[in-house]
């Protein structure tokens, strides 16, 4: 991991991400609270989540076309500067007198993230060697954890001392700093394949978008990765509305127990990022993703069905490590196996799928718990996590290895894992 952080361009991207993530959490810890304090409405607060999810779902695959066309470094620099400008709009309504502006800001940031997130995923394989993708992604997970740990208390302190405008200014400033760091990255040039150079801007756009969707349909490896991302996302977000209910109704705990388990998960995730970053280069991403998901799903089944506090804390500490490992592994798999010319479109479509399934996963989790019982919903979510690992191990074979049923995996962008 230290070797990667000595690589100038990766360090610039990593540091820019850390600064930006910390700024995101500075605002994220304050804004929902302020919206609820002003409106007294949970519907108004939930509206922020909808505003954050919908643009990404609608724009994901379309934005990927432009990401594949444009210079990745410029996408990230301009995207961060634009996000700074969008966040700064909140200064026009420091007391949130105009709630609609909050939704506009949330939607605007989501729309811009539809460009910057796939651009960052597409850029990483050009900055590090294929065998370093797992530790590089683990460092990005660590980056997110550290950013969260820094941003949460800073946001609370800023709001208590100076109010919402100070929080907004700091968040906007972090985007500007990140843009400055990213502007210094030396991004390797890319060339579009000959069959993508179609005359006419709109015709070219339509052709490239359709071709990106076709790659997902016809490439067995990429299609499997979509299934795996889908299972992980749907199962993972089913937990969100249910964990607090499980603590209260089954574990017989209070807010202190919920906070303890949440903290244990956060600590475990941070340690997991360090461990995976240290040893991940020696484990093929397919193996890492598959077995980590199987183990994480199994631990969740035990945790939810053995309602003992000590067991829950211990399993939270262990399960978080495997959850990070599976997430890092599947990201590295996608970066390895998606052809460079299609990375923007594929990662854009993946991100749109993740946002869509996040919305449905949370909804289905809540409804299923009411209809069939809390444990049924939680067990289903754990099984989906486990199933994602089984799909990777059984269906997604290593490069040049016959797939299940004797079908060859013919992904055009396979790299050795």
Protein backbone atom coordinates (compact mmCIF):
# COMPACT_ATOMS: atom_id res chain seq x y z
CA UNK A 1 0.00 0.00 0.00
CA UNK A 2 2.82 2.42 0.82
CA UNK A 3 4.31 1.67 -2.59
CA UNK A 4 1.07 2.80 -4.28
CA UNK A 5 0.95 6.00 -2.23
CA UNK A 6 4.44 6.80 -3.50
CA UNK A 7 3.12 6.87 -7.06
CA UNK A 8 2.54 10.55 -7.78
CA UNK A 9 -0.62 10.35 -9.87
CA UNK A 10 -2.36 7.76 -7.71
CA UNK A 11 -1.50 9.79 -4.58
CA UNK A 12 -3.02 12.92 -6.14
CA UNK A 13 -6.26 11.08 -7.01
CA UNK A 14 -6.37 9.40 -3.59
CA UNK A 15 -5.80 12.65 -1.71
CA UNK A 16 -8.34 14.50 -3.84
CA UNK A 17 -10.89 11.83 -3.06
CA UNK A 18 -10.13 12.00 0.66
CA UNK A 19 -10.62 15.77 0.76
CA UNK A 20 -13.85 15.56 -1.26
CA UNK A 21 -15.33 12.71 0.80
CA UNK A 22 -14.56 14.52 4.05
CA UNK A 23 -16.36 17.58 2.68
CA UNK A 24 -19.35 15.48 1.66
CA UNK A 25 -19.74 14.17 5.21
CA UNK A 26 -19.34 17.67 6.68
CA UNK A 27 -22.57 18.61 4.90
CA UNK A 28 -24.28 15.19 5.05
CA UNK A 29 -24.23 15.06 8.84
CA UNK A 30 -25.88 18.51 9.08
CA UNK A 31 -28.27 19.02 6.17
CA UNK A 32 -30.87 16.28 6.91
CA UNK A 33 -31.03 17.46 10.52
CA UNK A 34 -31.55 21.08 9.47
CA UNK A 35 -34.23 20.12 6.93
CA UNK A 36 -36.15 18.17 9.58
CA UNK A 37 -35.68 20.93 12.18
CA UNK A 38 -37.09 23.52 9.76
CA UNK A 39 -39.97 21.44 8.36
CA UNK A 40 -40.76 18.90 11.08
CA UNK A 41 -41.50 16.51 8.22
CA UNK A 42 -39.90 13.11 7.61
CA UNK A 43 -41.36 13.28 4.09
CA UNK A 44 -39.35 16.44 3.41
CA UNK A 45 -36.21 14.70 4.67
CA UNK A 46 -36.93 11.59 2.59
CA UNK A 47 -37.35 13.87 -0.42
CA UNK A 48 -33.63 14.63 -0.22
CA UNK A 49 -32.84 10.93 -0.65
CA UNK A 50 -35.13 10.69 -3.66
CA UNK A 51 -33.54 13.81 -5.16
CA UNK A 52 -30.09 12.25 -4.68
CA UNK A 53 -30.99 8.89 -6.25
CA UNK A 54 -33.20 9.70 -9.24
CA UNK A 55 -30.75 11.76 -11.39
CA UNK A 56 -28.08 9.09 -11.07
CA UNK A 57 -30.51 6.35 -12.06
CA UNK A 58 -31.63 8.29 -15.12
CA UNK A 59 -28.24 9.57 -16.23
CA UNK A 60 -25.87 6.72 -15.38
CA UNK A 61 -25.56 4.90 -18.69
CA UNK A 62 -25.97 8.10 -20.74
CA UNK A 63 -23.22 9.90 -18.79
CA UNK A 64 -20.95 6.93 -19.41
CA UNK A 65 -20.98 7.67 -23.15
CA UNK A 66 -19.47 11.10 -22.52
CA UNK A 67 -17.01 9.71 -19.98
CA UNK A 68 -15.69 7.36 -22.67
CA UNK A 69 -15.43 10.26 -25.14
CA UNK A 70 -13.90 12.90 -22.90
CA UNK A 71 -10.54 13.27 -21.18
CA UNK A 72 -10.98 11.54 -17.81
CA UNK A 73 -8.89 14.10 -15.94
CA UNK A 74 -10.96 16.99 -17.26
CA UNK A 75 -14.19 15.20 -16.35
CA UNK A 76 -13.01 14.91 -12.73
CA UNK A 77 -11.68 18.47 -12.50
CA UNK A 78 -14.72 20.13 -14.08
CA UNK A 79 -17.06 17.83 -12.18
CA UNK A 80 -15.57 18.80 -8.82
CA UNK A 81 -15.64 22.51 -9.65
CA UNK A 82 -19.27 22.21 -10.78
CA UNK A 83 -20.16 20.40 -7.54
CA UNK A 84 -18.56 23.24 -5.57
CA UNK A 85 -20.75 25.72 -7.43
CA UNK A 86 -23.88 23.63 -6.88
CA UNK A 87 -23.26 23.27 -3.13
CA UNK A 88 -22.60 27.01 -2.88
CA UNK A 89 -26.19 27.63 -4.01
CA UNK A 90 -27.25 26.77 -0.45
CA UNK A 91 -25.73 30.10 0.62
CA UNK A 92 -28.68 31.75 -1.15
CA UNK A 93 -31.00 30.34 1.52
CA UNK A 94 -28.96 30.10 4.75
CA UNK A 95 -32.04 29.38 6.85
CA UNK A 96 -33.43 26.93 4.27
CA UNK A 97 -36.34 29.29 3.66
CA UNK A 98 -36.57 27.85 0.15
CA UNK A 99 -36.67 24.08 0.62
CA UNK A 100 -36.90 23.48 -3.13
CA UNK A 101 -33.32 24.74 -3.44
CA UNK A 102 -32.14 21.91 -1.19
CA UNK A 103 -33.66 19.39 -3.59
CA UNK A 104 -32.10 21.19 -6.55
CA UNK A 105 -28.67 20.99 -4.89
CA UNK A 106 -29.13 17.30 -4.03
CA UNK A 107 -30.24 16.49 -7.58
CA UNK A 108 -27.47 18.59 -9.11
CA UNK A 109 -24.77 16.84 -7.10
CA UNK A 110 -26.23 13.45 -8.04
CA UNK A 111 -26.29 14.39 -11.72
CA UNK A 112 -22.64 15.48 -11.61
CA UNK A 113 -21.65 12.35 -9.69
CA UNK A 114 -23.11 10.33 -12.58
CA UNK A 115 -20.11 11.63 -14.56
CA UNK A 116 -17.36 11.77 -11.92
CA UNK A 117 -17.88 8.36 -10.31
CA UNK A 118 -17.55 6.25 -13.48
CA UNK A 119 -14.68 8.52 -14.59
CA UNK A 120 -12.79 7.77 -11.39
CA UNK A 121 -13.41 4.02 -11.73
CA UNK A 122 -12.33 4.13 -15.38
CA UNK A 123 -9.20 6.15 -14.58
CA UNK A 124 -7.78 3.87 -11.87
CA UNK A 125 -6.68 0.99 -14.17
CA UNK A 126 -4.59 3.44 -16.20
CA UNK A 127 -2.76 4.67 -13.09
CA UNK A 128 -1.81 1.34 -11.47
CA UNK A 129 -0.82 -2.09 -12.73
CA UNK A 130 -3.50 -4.79 -13.04
CA UNK A 131 -2.04 -6.70 -10.08
CA UNK A 132 -2.34 -3.56 -7.93
CA UNK A 133 -6.04 -2.95 -8.55
CA UNK A 134 -7.16 -4.73 -5.35
CA UNK A 135 -4.86 -2.75 -3.00
CA UNK A 136 -5.63 0.45 -4.92
CA UNK A 137 -9.38 -0.05 -4.45
CA UNK A 138 -8.77 -0.97 -0.81
CA UNK A 139 -6.97 2.33 -0.36
CA UNK A 140 -10.02 4.08 -1.85
CA UNK A 141 -12.24 2.32 0.71
CA UNK A 142 -9.85 3.44 3.46
CA UNK A 143 -10.00 6.92 1.95
CA UNK A 144 -13.81 6.90 2.32
CA UNK A 145 -13.65 5.66 5.90
CA UNK A 146 -11.10 8.28 6.96
CA UNK A 147 -13.06 11.00 5.17
CA UNK A 148 -16.19 9.99 7.03
CA UNK A 149 -14.40 9.94 10.40
CA UNK A 150 -13.00 13.41 9.72
CA UNK A 151 -16.11 14.94 8.18
CA UNK A 152 -18.76 13.85 10.69
CA UNK A 153 -17.37 15.61 13.79
CA UNK A 154 -16.13 18.60 11.77
CA UNK A 155 -19.60 19.16 10.32
CA UNK A 156 -21.21 19.00 13.75
CA UNK A 157 -18.67 21.44 15.25
CA UNK A 158 -18.94 23.91 12.37
CA UNK A 159 -22.73 23.92 12.51
CA UNK A 160 -22.81 24.38 16.28
CA UNK A 161 -20.29 27.22 16.17
CA UNK A 162 -21.10 29.10 12.95
CA UNK A 163 -24.31 27.70 11.44
CA UNK A 164 -25.14 26.18 8.06
CA UNK A 165 -23.31 28.75 5.87
CA UNK A 166 -19.95 27.74 7.36
CA UNK A 167 -20.69 24.08 6.63
CA UNK A 168 -21.60 24.90 3.03
CA UNK A 169 -18.45 26.98 2.49
CA UNK A 170 -16.20 24.21 3.81
CA UNK A 171 -17.89 21.55 1.67
CA UNK A 172 -17.61 23.72 -1.45
CA UNK A 173 -13.96 24.48 -0.65
CA UNK A 174 -13.10 20.77 -0.44
CA UNK A 175 -14.39 20.29 -4.00
CA UNK A 176 -12.16 23.15 -5.19
CA UNK A 177 -9.13 21.66 -3.43
CA UNK A 178 -9.88 18.24 -4.92
CA UNK A 179 -10.15 19.78 -8.40
CA UNK A 180 -6.75 21.44 -7.94
CA UNK A 181 -5.13 18.13 -6.98
CA UNK A 182 -6.79 16.25 -9.85
CA UNK A 183 -5.68 18.90 -12.35
CA UNK A 184 -2.08 17.83 -11.65
CA UNK A 185 -2.70 14.16 -12.55
CA UNK A 186 -1.01 12.96 -15.74
CA UNK A 187 -3.81 11.05 -17.47
CA UNK A 188 -2.75 8.72 -20.30
CA UNK A 189 -4.43 9.58 -23.64
CA UNK A 190 -7.13 7.30 -24.97
CA UNK A 191 -8.22 6.58 -28.53
CA UNK A 192 -11.70 5.55 -29.58
CA UNK A 193 -11.97 2.25 -31.51
CA UNK A 194 -12.45 2.66 -35.27
CA UNK A 195 -15.97 1.22 -35.18
CA UNK A 196 -17.00 3.96 -32.72
CA UNK A 197 -16.06 6.87 -35.01
CA UNK A 198 -19.44 7.51 -36.55
CA UNK A 199 -20.18 10.73 -38.43
CA UNK A 200 -22.59 13.19 -36.83
CA UNK A 201 -22.55 14.10 -33.14
CA UNK A 202 -26.01 12.85 -32.20
CA UNK A 203 -25.74 9.78 -34.38
CA UNK A 204 -22.38 9.05 -32.76
CA UNK A 205 -23.86 9.51 -29.31
CA UNK A 206 -26.76 7.14 -30.02
CA UNK A 207 -24.42 4.59 -31.57
CA UNK A 208 -22.00 4.69 -28.63
CA UNK A 209 -24.76 4.47 -26.02
CA UNK A 210 -26.38 1.51 -27.78
CA UNK A 211 -23.00 -0.16 -28.22
CA UNK A 212 -22.27 0.21 -24.51
CA UNK A 213 -25.59 -1.41 -23.61
CA UNK A 214 -24.90 -4.16 -26.17
CA UNK A 215 -21.55 -4.91 -24.52
CA UNK A 216 -23.35 -5.55 -21.23
CA UNK A 217 -25.84 -7.86 -22.97
CA UNK A 218 -23.46 -9.86 -25.13
CA UNK A 219 -20.41 -10.06 -22.87
CA UNK A 220 -21.02 -12.86 -20.42
CA UNK A 221 -18.44 -11.65 -17.92
CA UNK A 222 -19.87 -8.13 -17.71
CA UNK A 223 -23.42 -9.46 -17.49
CA UNK A 224 -22.40 -11.65 -14.55
CA UNK A 225 -20.77 -8.67 -12.86
CA UNK A 226 -24.06 -6.76 -13.16
CA UNK A 227 -25.84 -9.66 -11.44
CA UNK A 228 -23.23 -9.72 -8.67
CA UNK A 229 -23.36 -5.94 -8.12
CA UNK A 230 -27.17 -6.20 -8.11
CA UNK A 231 -27.30 -8.97 -5.50
CA UNK A 232 -24.81 -7.17 -3.26
CA UNK A 233 -26.57 -3.83 -3.53
CA UNK A 234 -30.10 -5.13 -3.11
CA UNK A 235 -29.18 -7.34 -0.16
CA UNK A 236 -27.03 -4.65 1.44
CA UNK A 237 -29.62 -1.88 1.29
CA UNK A 238 -32.33 -4.17 2.65
CA UNK A 239 -30.46 -4.01 5.96
CA UNK A 240 -30.67 -0.23 6.25
CA UNK A 241 -34.27 0.18 7.43
CA UNK A 242 -34.16 -3.06 9.44
CA UNK A 243 -31.03 -2.97 11.61
CA UNK A 244 -32.40 -0.55 14.19
CA UNK A 245 -35.61 -2.59 14.44
CA UNK A 246 -33.58 -5.80 14.95
CA UNK A 247 -31.58 -4.16 17.76
CA UNK A 248 -34.72 -2.95 19.51
CA UNK A 249 -37.18 -5.80 18.93
CA UNK A 250 -34.97 -8.90 18.81
CA UNK A 251 -31.74 -7.98 20.59
CA UNK A 252 -33.69 -5.95 23.20
CA UNK A 253 -31.16 -3.13 22.96
CA UNK A 254 -31.43 0.62 22.88
CA UNK A 255 -29.77 3.47 21.04
CA UNK A 256 -26.50 2.76 22.86
CA UNK A 257 -26.40 -0.79 21.50
CA UNK A 258 -27.22 0.42 17.99
CA UNK A 259 -24.39 2.96 18.23
CA UNK A 260 -22.03 0.26 19.53
CA UNK A 261 -22.75 -2.07 16.60
CA UNK A 262 -22.48 0.79 14.11
CA UNK A 263 -19.12 1.79 15.58
CA UNK A 264 -17.91 -1.82 15.51
CA UNK A 265 -18.82 -2.00 11.83
CA UNK A 266 -17.00 1.24 11.07
CA UNK A 267 -13.85 0.12 12.90
CA UNK A 268 -13.99 -3.27 11.19
CA UNK A 269 -14.36 -1.64 7.78
CA UNK A 270 -11.33 0.57 8.39
CA UNK A 271 -9.21 -2.39 9.50
CA UNK A 272 -10.57 -4.42 6.59
CA UNK A 273 -9.41 -1.79 4.10
CA UNK A 274 -5.91 -1.91 5.58
CA UNK A 275 -5.79 -5.72 5.58
CA UNK A 276 -7.13 -6.09 2.04
CA UNK A 277 -4.75 -3.41 0.83
CA UNK A 278 -1.82 -5.26 2.38
CA UNK A 279 -2.61 -8.78 1.15
CA UNK A 280 -5.11 -8.24 -1.67
CA UNK A 281 -2.51 -8.15 -4.45
CA UNK A 282 -1.75 -11.82 -3.72
CA UNK A 283 -5.40 -12.92 -3.99
CA UNK A 284 -7.21 -13.03 -7.39
CA UNK A 285 -10.15 -10.57 -7.34
CA UNK A 286 -12.58 -13.34 -8.35
CA UNK A 287 -11.52 -15.47 -5.37
CA UNK A 288 -11.51 -12.48 -3.01
CA UNK A 289 -15.00 -11.36 -4.08
CA UNK A 290 -16.52 -14.84 -4.07
CA UNK A 291 -15.30 -16.18 -0.74
CA UNK A 292 -15.58 -12.84 1.07
CA UNK A 293 -19.25 -12.54 0.02
CA UNK A 294 -20.00 -16.14 1.02
CA UNK A 295 -18.39 -15.67 4.44
CA UNK A 296 -20.00 -12.24 4.99
CA UNK A 297 -23.45 -13.65 4.16
CA UNK A 298 -22.91 -16.63 6.48
CA UNK A 299 -21.81 -14.40 9.35
CA UNK A 300 -24.88 -12.22 8.89
CA UNK A 301 -27.16 -15.27 9.08
CA UNK A 302 -25.57 -16.28 12.38
CA UNK A 303 -25.63 -12.73 13.73
CA UNK A 304 -29.32 -12.18 13.06
CA UNK A 305 -30.45 -15.59 14.32
CA UNK A 306 -28.35 -15.65 17.50
CA UNK A 307 -29.58 -12.52 19.32
CA UNK A 308 -26.78 -12.21 21.88
CA UNK A 309 -25.05 -8.85 22.25
CA UNK A 310 -21.54 -10.27 22.59
CA UNK A 311 -22.05 -12.41 19.50
CA UNK A 312 -23.45 -9.47 17.55
CA UNK A 313 -20.48 -7.23 18.42
CA UNK A 314 -17.93 -9.94 17.62
CA UNK A 315 -19.55 -10.81 14.30
CA UNK A 316 -19.90 -7.12 13.39
CA UNK A 317 -16.16 -6.72 13.85
CA UNK A 318 -15.39 -9.73 11.65
CA UNK A 319 -18.16 -9.33 9.06
CA UNK A 320 -17.17 -5.75 8.24
CA UNK A 321 -13.75 -6.96 7.12
CA UNK A 322 -15.24 -9.46 4.65
CA UNK A 323 -17.79 -6.92 3.43
CA UNK A 324 -14.95 -4.56 2.50
CA UNK A 325 -13.04 -7.42 0.85
CA UNK A 326 -16.01 -8.39 -1.33
CA UNK A 327 -16.66 -4.78 -2.36
CA UNK A 328 -13.01 -4.16 -3.23
CA UNK A 329 -12.80 -7.45 -5.11
CA UNK A 330 -15.83 -6.86 -7.32
CA UNK A 331 -14.67 -3.33 -8.18
CA UNK A 332 -11.25 -4.66 -9.19
CA UNK A 333 -12.92 -7.44 -11.21
CA UNK A 334 -14.94 -4.92 -13.18
CA UNK A 335 -11.90 -2.71 -13.78
CA UNK A 336 -9.87 -5.68 -15.01
CA UNK A 337 -12.45 -7.24 -17.26
CA UNK A 338 -14.22 -4.29 -18.89
CA UNK A 339 -12.47 -3.20 -22.12
CA UNK A 340 -10.88 0.27 -21.68
CA UNK A 341 -12.97 1.87 -24.46
CA UNK A 342 -16.21 0.88 -22.67
CA UNK A 343 -15.32 1.56 -19.04
CA UNK A 344 -17.20 4.85 -18.78
CA UNK A 345 -20.43 3.38 -20.16
CA UNK A 346 -20.22 0.15 -18.18
CA UNK A 347 -19.36 1.86 -14.89
CA UNK A 348 -22.02 4.48 -15.54
CA UNK A 349 -24.61 1.76 -16.08
CA UNK A 350 -23.39 -0.09 -13.01
CA UNK A 351 -23.73 3.05 -10.91
CA UNK A 352 -27.24 3.68 -12.22
CA UNK A 353 -28.12 0.07 -11.37
CA UNK A 354 -26.69 0.48 -7.87
CA UNK A 355 -28.77 3.63 -7.24
CA UNK A 356 -31.93 1.99 -8.55
CA UNK A 357 -31.47 -1.18 -6.52
CA UNK A 358 -30.57 0.85 -3.43
CA UNK A 359 -33.97 2.52 -3.65
CA UNK A 360 -35.83 -0.75 -4.22
CA UNK A 361 -33.75 -2.68 -1.67
CA UNK A 362 -34.62 -0.29 1.15
CA UNK A 363 -38.28 -0.29 0.11
CA UNK A 364 -38.57 -4.07 -0.23
CA UNK A 365 -36.76 -4.59 3.08
CA UNK A 366 -39.25 -2.43 4.95
CA UNK A 367 -42.33 -3.90 3.26
CA UNK A 368 -41.17 -7.52 3.59
CA UNK A 369 -40.40 -7.08 7.28
CA UNK A 370 -43.94 -5.83 7.86
CA UNK A 371 -45.53 -8.60 5.78
CA UNK A 372 -43.41 -11.66 6.62
CA UNK A 373 -41.48 -10.71 9.72
CA UNK A 374 -38.22 -8.98 10.53
CA UNK A 375 -36.05 -12.10 10.61
CA UNK A 376 -37.36 -13.31 7.26
CA UNK A 377 -36.35 -10.05 5.60
CA UNK A 378 -32.93 -9.98 7.28
CA UNK A 379 -32.23 -13.61 6.43
CA UNK A 380 -33.16 -12.97 2.80
CA UNK A 381 -30.75 -10.04 2.66
CA UNK A 382 -27.97 -12.22 4.11
CA UNK A 383 -28.71 -15.00 1.62
CA UNK A 384 -28.51 -12.54 -1.29
CA UNK A 385 -25.05 -11.47 -0.08
CA UNK A 386 -23.97 -15.11 0.13
CA UNK A 387 -25.49 -15.86 -3.28
CA UNK A 388 -23.46 -13.07 -4.89
CA UNK A 389 -20.32 -14.88 -3.82
CA UNK A 390 -21.57 -18.21 -5.14
CA UNK A 391 -22.34 -16.65 -8.53
CA UNK A 392 -18.80 -15.26 -8.76
CA UNK A 393 -17.15 -18.56 -7.82
CA UNK A 394 -19.36 -20.87 -9.88
CA UNK A 395 -20.40 -18.83 -12.93
CA UNK A 396 -17.59 -16.33 -13.38
CA UNK A 397 -14.56 -18.51 -14.08
CA UNK A 398 -10.99 -17.28 -14.24
CA UNK A 399 -9.79 -15.97 -17.63
CA UNK A 400 -9.23 -18.74 -20.20
CA UNK A 401 -10.93 -21.25 -17.92
CA UNK A 402 -14.07 -23.00 -19.27
CA UNK A 403 -17.19 -21.52 -17.71
CA UNK A 404 -19.96 -23.56 -16.12
CA UNK A 405 -21.55 -25.84 -18.66
CA UNK A 406 -18.47 -25.78 -20.89
CA UNK A 407 -19.14 -22.30 -22.32
CA UNK A 408 -16.00 -20.24 -22.86
CA UNK A 409 -15.80 -16.86 -21.19
CA UNK A 410 -15.02 -14.60 -24.12
CA UNK A 411 -14.81 -11.19 -22.48
CA UNK A 412 -12.71 -9.04 -24.81
CA UNK A 413 -11.13 -7.18 -21.94
CA UNK A 414 -10.11 -10.01 -19.63
CA UNK A 415 -6.93 -9.57 -17.66
CA UNK A 416 -5.25 -12.22 -15.61
CA UNK A 417 -6.49 -12.40 -12.07
